[in-house]
């Protein structure tokens, strides 16, 4: 059962593939945005788990402690920024979907393409 020892990589891969499948296979624009959000959450999980060091402590330096292993805080800081950007882009995408719904009367990709062909 050694391959299950790094279960967070398996969770990452499954979430990534589910998100990718939703983006590619679903014609509904809101579902596509939710698939992108799931895809994004999988990438966040990957970066956060890469920043954890087994036995590592917070990088707070003291005079008498110089031989400890420290966890890298940079991935967590970058992901906090990415979460804010992700929420903003999702909100923008939903706003565009609302505008598309007002213009075409539907949010199904194939119906929108059919309307544009006419």
Protein backbone atom coordinates (compact mmCIF):
# COMPACT_ATOMS: atom_id res chain seq x y z
CA UNK A 1 0.00 0.00 0.00
CA UNK A 2 2.97 2.29 -0.48
CA UNK A 3 1.33 4.04 -3.45
CA UNK A 4 -1.41 5.34 -1.13
CA UNK A 5 1.18 6.98 1.12
CA UNK A 6 1.09 10.13 -0.97
CA UNK A 7 -2.70 10.27 -1.13
CA UNK A 8 -2.79 14.04 -1.64
CA UNK A 9 -1.22 13.57 -5.08
CA UNK A 10 -3.99 11.10 -5.93
CA UNK A 11 -6.60 13.60 -4.72
CA UNK A 12 -4.90 16.27 -6.83
CA UNK A 13 -4.96 14.09 -9.93
CA UNK A 14 -8.61 13.09 -9.47
CA UNK A 15 -9.78 16.67 -8.85
CA UNK A 16 -7.76 17.91 -11.80
CA UNK A 17 -9.23 15.32 -14.16
CA UNK A 18 -12.80 15.89 -12.95
CA UNK A 19 -12.40 19.63 -13.46
CA UNK A 20 -10.90 19.10 -16.91
CA UNK A 21 -13.70 16.70 -17.87
CA UNK A 22 -16.38 19.20 -16.83
CA UNK A 23 -14.74 22.00 -18.84
CA UNK A 24 -14.44 19.84 -21.96
CA UNK A 25 -17.64 17.77 -21.85
CA UNK A 26 -20.37 20.05 -20.45
CA UNK A 27 -22.06 22.57 -22.76
CA UNK A 28 -23.45 24.69 -19.90
CA UNK A 29 -21.30 27.78 -19.31
CA UNK A 30 -21.90 27.86 -15.54
CA UNK A 31 -20.83 24.21 -15.28
CA UNK A 32 -17.70 25.08 -17.26
CA UNK A 33 -16.88 27.83 -14.76
CA UNK A 34 -17.39 25.42 -11.86
CA UNK A 35 -15.10 22.92 -13.62
CA UNK A 36 -12.45 25.61 -13.92
CA UNK A 37 -12.82 26.37 -10.21
CA UNK A 38 -12.39 22.69 -9.37
CA UNK A 39 -9.34 22.52 -11.64
CA UNK A 40 -7.94 25.56 -9.87
CA UNK A 41 -8.58 24.06 -6.42
CA UNK A 42 -6.63 20.97 -7.45
CA UNK A 43 -3.64 23.11 -8.41
CA UNK A 44 -3.91 24.93 -5.07
CA UNK A 45 -3.83 21.58 -3.27
CA UNK A 46 -0.71 20.54 -5.17
CA UNK A 47 1.21 23.72 -4.34
CA UNK A 48 0.18 23.73 -0.69
CA UNK A 49 1.17 20.10 -0.13
CA UNK A 50 4.54 20.67 -1.83
CA UNK A 51 5.32 23.37 0.73
CA UNK A 52 4.99 20.99 3.69
CA UNK A 53 8.17 19.36 4.97
CA UNK A 54 7.88 16.32 7.22
CA UNK A 55 9.12 17.31 10.65
CA UNK A 56 9.39 20.93 9.56
CA UNK A 57 8.43 23.81 11.80
CA UNK A 58 7.37 27.38 11.12
CA UNK A 59 10.29 29.49 9.85
CA UNK A 60 10.68 31.56 13.01
CA UNK A 61 14.36 31.99 13.71
CA UNK A 62 15.71 32.20 17.25
CA UNK A 63 19.24 32.66 18.54
CA UNK A 64 19.72 29.19 20.00
CA UNK A 65 17.80 27.23 17.35
CA UNK A 66 19.68 26.94 14.08
CA UNK A 67 19.53 23.23 13.23
CA UNK A 68 15.78 22.78 12.72
CA UNK A 69 14.12 21.90 9.44
CA UNK A 70 11.73 24.62 8.33
CA UNK A 71 8.65 24.42 6.12
CA UNK A 72 8.59 26.75 3.15
CA UNK A 73 5.92 29.48 3.60
CA UNK A 74 6.14 30.73 0.01
CA UNK A 75 3.61 28.29 -1.54
CA UNK A 76 0.97 29.22 1.03
CA UNK A 77 1.54 32.93 0.41
CA UNK A 78 1.30 32.49 -3.35
CA UNK A 79 -1.87 30.43 -3.04
CA UNK A 80 -3.53 33.11 -0.90
CA UNK A 81 -2.96 35.54 -3.75
CA UNK A 82 -4.14 32.98 -6.31
CA UNK A 83 -7.36 32.41 -4.34
CA UNK A 84 -8.19 36.11 -4.52
CA UNK A 85 -7.45 36.19 -8.25
CA UNK A 86 -9.49 33.00 -8.75
CA UNK A 87 -12.52 34.43 -6.99
CA UNK A 88 -12.25 37.60 -9.05
CA UNK A 89 -12.02 35.76 -12.36
CA UNK A 90 -14.91 33.47 -11.42
CA UNK A 91 -17.04 36.50 -10.56
CA UNK A 92 -16.10 38.11 -13.87
CA UNK A 93 -16.92 34.89 -15.73
CA UNK A 94 -20.32 34.67 -14.04
CA UNK A 95 -20.97 38.30 -14.98
CA UNK A 96 -20.17 37.49 -18.60
CA UNK A 97 -22.49 34.47 -18.45
CA UNK A 98 -25.31 36.71 -17.19
CA UNK A 99 -24.69 39.07 -20.10
CA UNK A 100 -24.67 36.13 -22.56
CA UNK A 101 -27.97 34.91 -21.08
CA UNK A 102 -29.48 38.38 -21.61
CA UNK A 103 -28.26 38.52 -25.22
CA UNK A 104 -28.93 34.95 -26.40
CA UNK A 105 -31.54 33.72 -23.93
CA UNK A 106 -29.51 30.61 -23.10
CA UNK A 107 -26.24 29.56 -21.48
CA UNK A 108 -25.82 26.33 -23.46
CA UNK A 109 -22.76 26.53 -25.70
CA UNK A 110 -24.21 24.55 -28.59
CA UNK A 111 -27.39 26.65 -28.67
CA UNK A 112 -25.33 29.87 -28.68
CA UNK A 113 -23.25 28.59 -31.61
CA UNK A 114 -26.43 27.63 -33.48
CA UNK A 115 -27.87 31.14 -32.96
CA UNK A 116 -24.62 32.67 -34.25
CA UNK A 117 -24.71 30.52 -37.39
CA UNK A 118 -28.14 31.86 -38.39
